[in-house]
Amino acid sequence: MPQLKTKSNKIAVSKKEKNFQKKLNKLQEFVEKNCEYVGEKFAQEARNIHYDKKKSKGIYGKATPEQTNELIEEGIDVATIPWPKKNN
């Protein structure tokens, strides 16, 4: 998104960007409240749920781009969401 410097050298943020940021923050809050954080074990846990047919539960964590691509190739539904910084 384009950002313009103002006379005070601060970056002006568009209304669309502010709106997007609010929605992204709400999504992050929802995921953190309703899903289990599994950290670096995300790929392993996603496979466990998919292949072992465990009761489906929402999880989130960290995966490398390679791990994410492997999960997608295996037919496992995943999404990469850019988390905003907490201080924004």
N, C-alpha and C. Protein backbone atom coordinates (compact mmCIF):
# COMPACT_ATOMS: atom_id res chain seq x y z
N MET A 1 0.83 -1.17 0.00
CA MET A 1 0.00 0.00 0.00
C MET A 1 0.88 1.23 0.00
N PRO A 2 0.49 2.23 -0.75
CA PRO A 2 1.33 3.44 -0.81
C PRO A 2 1.28 4.19 0.51
N GLN A 3 2.42 4.69 0.88
CA GLN A 3 2.52 5.51 2.08
C GLN A 3 3.24 6.78 1.71
N LEU A 4 2.74 7.89 2.19
CA LEU A 4 3.32 9.18 1.86
C LEU A 4 3.90 9.82 3.11
N LYS A 5 5.05 10.44 2.95
CA LYS A 5 5.63 11.16 4.07
C LYS A 5 4.98 12.53 4.15
N THR A 6 4.66 12.92 5.36
CA THR A 6 4.09 14.24 5.57
C THR A 6 5.20 15.21 5.92
N LYS A 7 4.85 16.45 6.12
CA LYS A 7 5.86 17.45 6.45
C LYS A 7 6.59 17.11 7.73
N SER A 8 5.94 16.41 8.63
CA SER A 8 6.59 16.06 9.89
C SER A 8 7.42 14.79 9.78
N ASN A 9 7.58 14.27 8.55
CA ASN A 9 8.35 13.05 8.27
C ASN A 9 7.71 11.79 8.84
N LYS A 10 6.47 11.87 9.25
CA LYS A 10 5.74 10.67 9.67
C LYS A 10 5.08 10.10 8.43
N ILE A 11 4.88 8.81 8.43
CA ILE A 11 4.24 8.17 7.29
C ILE A 11 2.72 8.27 7.46
N ALA A 12 2.06 8.81 6.45
CA ALA A 12 0.60 8.93 6.46
C ALA A 12 0.02 7.57 6.08
N VAL A 13 -0.91 7.08 6.88
CA VAL A 13 -1.53 5.79 6.64
C VAL A 13 -2.93 6.03 6.10
N SER A 14 -3.25 5.38 4.99
CA SER A 14 -4.56 5.57 4.37
C SER A 14 -5.67 4.95 5.22
N LYS A 15 -6.91 5.40 4.98
CA LYS A 15 -8.06 4.86 5.70
C LYS A 15 -8.22 3.37 5.39
N LYS A 16 -7.97 2.99 4.14
CA LYS A 16 -8.09 1.57 3.77
C LYS A 16 -7.09 0.73 4.55
N GLU A 17 -5.88 1.24 4.69
CA GLU A 17 -4.86 0.50 5.43
C GLU A 17 -5.23 0.39 6.90
N LYS A 18 -5.75 1.46 7.49
CA LYS A 18 -6.18 1.42 8.89
C LYS A 18 -7.30 0.41 9.07
N ASN A 19 -8.26 0.39 8.13
CA ASN A 19 -9.37 -0.54 8.19
C ASN A 19 -8.87 -1.98 8.07
N PHE A 20 -7.95 -2.21 7.15
CA PHE A 20 -7.36 -3.54 6.98
C PHE A 20 -6.65 -3.97 8.27
N GLN A 21 -5.90 -3.06 8.86
CA GLN A 21 -5.16 -3.36 10.09
C GLN A 21 -6.13 -3.74 11.21
N LYS A 22 -7.25 -3.04 11.33
CA LYS A 22 -8.24 -3.36 12.36
C LYS A 22 -8.80 -4.76 12.16
N LYS A 23 -9.11 -5.09 10.91
CA LYS A 23 -9.67 -6.41 10.61
C LYS A 23 -8.64 -7.50 10.88
N LEU A 24 -7.39 -7.25 10.54
CA LEU A 24 -6.34 -8.22 10.80
C LEU A 24 -6.14 -8.42 12.30
N ASN A 25 -6.22 -7.34 13.07
CA ASN A 25 -6.11 -7.45 14.53
C ASN A 25 -7.25 -8.27 15.11
N LYS A 26 -8.47 -8.08 14.59
CA LYS A 26 -9.63 -8.85 15.06
C LYS A 26 -9.46 -10.33 14.73
N LEU A 27 -8.95 -10.61 13.54
CA LEU A 27 -8.72 -12.00 13.16
C LEU A 27 -7.70 -12.64 14.10
N GLN A 28 -6.62 -11.93 14.38
CA GLN A 28 -5.60 -12.45 15.27
C GLN A 28 -6.18 -12.73 16.65
N GLU A 29 -6.97 -11.80 17.19
CA GLU A 29 -7.59 -11.99 18.49
C GLU A 29 -8.49 -13.22 18.49
N PHE A 30 -9.28 -13.40 17.42
CA PHE A 30 -10.18 -14.55 17.33
C PHE A 30 -9.39 -15.86 17.33
N VAL A 31 -8.35 -15.92 16.50
CA VAL A 31 -7.55 -17.15 16.41
C VAL A 31 -6.90 -17.45 17.76
N GLU A 32 -6.31 -16.46 18.39
CA GLU A 32 -5.63 -16.68 19.67
C GLU A 32 -6.61 -17.11 20.75
N LYS A 33 -7.85 -16.64 20.69
CA LYS A 33 -8.85 -16.99 21.70
C LYS A 33 -9.45 -18.37 21.47
N ASN A 34 -9.60 -18.76 20.20
CA ASN A 34 -10.36 -19.96 19.88
C ASN A 34 -9.54 -21.15 19.38
N CYS A 35 -8.25 -20.97 19.19
CA CYS A 35 -7.42 -22.05 18.66
C CYS A 35 -6.24 -22.31 19.59
N GLU A 36 -5.65 -23.47 19.43
CA GLU A 36 -4.50 -23.86 20.26
C GLU A 36 -3.20 -23.50 19.56
N TYR A 37 -2.32 -22.82 20.28
CA TYR A 37 -1.00 -22.48 19.73
C TYR A 37 -0.09 -23.69 19.88
N VAL A 38 0.46 -24.17 18.76
CA VAL A 38 1.34 -25.34 18.80
C VAL A 38 2.77 -24.99 18.40
N GLY A 39 3.04 -23.73 18.17
CA GLY A 39 4.40 -23.26 17.90
C GLY A 39 5.04 -23.91 16.69
N GLU A 40 6.29 -24.33 16.89
CA GLU A 40 7.09 -24.92 15.81
C GLU A 40 6.58 -26.31 15.38
N LYS A 41 5.66 -26.88 16.14
CA LYS A 41 5.12 -28.22 15.83
C LYS A 41 3.89 -28.14 14.92
N PHE A 42 3.68 -26.99 14.29
CA PHE A 42 2.47 -26.81 13.49
C PHE A 42 2.31 -27.88 12.41
N ALA A 43 3.33 -28.09 11.60
CA ALA A 43 3.22 -29.06 10.49
C ALA A 43 2.91 -30.46 11.03
N GLN A 44 3.59 -30.86 12.09
CA GLN A 44 3.37 -32.18 12.69
C GLN A 44 1.94 -32.30 13.23
N GLU A 45 1.47 -31.30 13.94
CA GLU A 45 0.11 -31.33 14.49
C GLU A 45 -0.95 -31.32 13.39
N ALA A 46 -0.73 -30.55 12.33
CA ALA A 46 -1.68 -30.52 11.22
C ALA A 46 -1.79 -31.90 10.57
N ARG A 47 -0.65 -32.56 10.41
CA ARG A 47 -0.68 -33.92 9.85
C ARG A 47 -1.38 -34.89 10.80
N ASN A 48 -1.13 -34.78 12.09
CA ASN A 48 -1.79 -35.66 13.06
C ASN A 48 -3.30 -35.52 12.97
N ILE A 49 -3.78 -34.30 12.88
CA ILE A 49 -5.22 -34.08 12.79
C ILE A 49 -5.75 -34.63 11.46
N HIS A 50 -5.03 -34.39 10.38
CA HIS A 50 -5.49 -34.80 9.05
C HIS A 50 -5.47 -36.31 8.87
N TYR A 51 -4.35 -36.94 9.17
CA TYR A 51 -4.20 -38.38 8.89
C TYR A 51 -4.77 -39.28 9.96
N ASP A 52 -4.70 -38.87 11.21
CA ASP A 52 -5.21 -39.71 12.29
C ASP A 52 -6.70 -39.50 12.51
N LYS A 53 -7.24 -38.58 11.73
CA LYS A 53 -8.67 -38.28 11.81
C LYS A 53 -9.07 -37.95 13.25
N LYS A 54 -8.15 -37.30 13.96
CA LYS A 54 -8.47 -36.83 15.30
C LYS A 54 -9.61 -35.83 15.18
N LYS A 55 -10.26 -35.62 16.29
CA LYS A 55 -11.30 -34.61 16.29
C LYS A 55 -10.67 -33.30 15.81
N SER A 56 -11.27 -32.73 14.81
CA SER A 56 -10.73 -31.51 14.23
C SER A 56 -10.76 -30.39 15.26
N LYS A 57 -9.65 -29.73 15.36
CA LYS A 57 -9.57 -28.59 16.25
C LYS A 57 -8.76 -27.52 15.56
N GLY A 58 -8.99 -26.30 15.93
CA GLY A 58 -8.24 -25.20 15.35
C GLY A 58 -6.87 -25.11 16.00
N ILE A 59 -5.86 -25.02 15.19
CA ILE A 59 -4.50 -24.83 15.69
C ILE A 59 -3.85 -23.71 14.91
N TYR A 60 -2.83 -23.14 15.51
CA TYR A 60 -2.00 -22.18 14.79
C TYR A 60 -0.60 -22.27 15.35
N GLY A 61 0.35 -21.87 14.54
CA GLY A 61 1.75 -21.94 14.95
C GLY A 61 2.64 -21.48 13.83
N LYS A 62 3.85 -21.99 13.84
CA LYS A 62 4.84 -21.56 12.86
C LYS A 62 5.23 -22.72 11.96
N ALA A 63 5.40 -22.39 10.67
CA ALA A 63 5.87 -23.37 9.70
C ALA A 63 6.70 -22.63 8.66
N THR A 64 7.70 -23.31 8.15
CA THR A 64 8.50 -22.71 7.08
C THR A 64 7.68 -22.72 5.80
N PRO A 65 8.07 -21.91 4.82
CA PRO A 65 7.38 -21.96 3.52
C PRO A 65 7.40 -23.36 2.91
N GLU A 66 8.50 -24.07 3.10
CA GLU A 66 8.61 -25.44 2.56
C GLU A 66 7.61 -26.36 3.25
N GLN A 67 7.50 -26.28 4.58
CA GLN A 67 6.55 -27.11 5.31
C GLN A 67 5.12 -26.79 4.88
N THR A 68 4.83 -25.51 4.71
CA THR A 68 3.49 -25.09 4.29
C THR A 68 3.17 -25.67 2.92
N ASN A 69 4.10 -25.58 1.97
CA ASN A 69 3.89 -26.14 0.63
C ASN A 69 3.67 -27.65 0.68
N GLU A 70 4.42 -28.35 1.53
CA GLU A 70 4.25 -29.80 1.66
C GLU A 70 2.85 -30.12 2.18
N LEU A 71 2.39 -29.38 3.17
CA LEU A 71 1.05 -29.61 3.71
C LEU A 71 -0.01 -29.41 2.64
N ILE A 72 0.13 -28.35 1.86
CA ILE A 72 -0.82 -28.07 0.79
C ILE A 72 -0.80 -29.19 -0.26
N GLU A 73 0.40 -29.66 -0.62
CA GLU A 73 0.52 -30.75 -1.60
C GLU A 73 -0.12 -32.03 -1.08
N GLU A 74 -0.15 -32.20 0.24
CA GLU A 74 -0.77 -33.39 0.84
C GLU A 74 -2.28 -33.23 0.99
N GLY A 75 -2.80 -32.09 0.60
CA GLY A 75 -4.24 -31.86 0.69
C GLY A 75 -4.71 -31.38 2.05
N ILE A 76 -3.80 -30.87 2.84
CA ILE A 76 -4.13 -30.37 4.17
C ILE A 76 -4.39 -28.87 4.06
N ASP A 77 -5.55 -28.45 4.54
CA ASP A 77 -5.91 -27.03 4.46
C ASP A 77 -5.10 -26.22 5.46
N VAL A 78 -4.35 -25.28 4.96
CA VAL A 78 -3.59 -24.35 5.79
C VAL A 78 -3.68 -22.96 5.18
N ALA A 79 -3.41 -21.97 5.99
CA ALA A 79 -3.37 -20.59 5.50
C ALA A 79 -2.25 -19.87 6.21
N THR A 80 -1.59 -18.99 5.49
CA THR A 80 -0.56 -18.15 6.06
C THR A 80 -1.16 -16.77 6.28
N ILE A 81 -1.11 -16.32 7.52
CA ILE A 81 -1.69 -15.03 7.87
C ILE A 81 -0.61 -14.17 8.48
N PRO A 82 -0.40 -12.98 7.95
CA PRO A 82 0.64 -12.10 8.52
C PRO A 82 0.13 -11.46 9.81
N TRP A 83 0.69 -11.85 10.94
CA TRP A 83 0.29 -11.28 12.22
C TRP A 83 0.83 -9.86 12.33
N PRO A 84 -0.02 -8.93 12.73
CA PRO A 84 0.49 -7.58 12.96
C PRO A 84 1.29 -7.54 14.25
N LYS A 85 2.14 -6.54 14.36
CA LYS A 85 2.90 -6.37 15.59
C LYS A 85 1.93 -5.97 16.69
N LYS A 86 2.16 -6.44 17.91
CA LYS A 86 1.27 -6.19 19.02
C LYS A 86 1.17 -4.72 19.40
N ASN A 87 2.19 -3.93 19.13
CA ASN A 87 2.17 -2.53 19.55
C ASN A 87 1.48 -1.61 18.56
N ASN A 88 0.91 -2.16 17.46
CA ASN A 88 0.22 -1.31 16.48
C ASN A 88 -1.22 -1.08 16.88
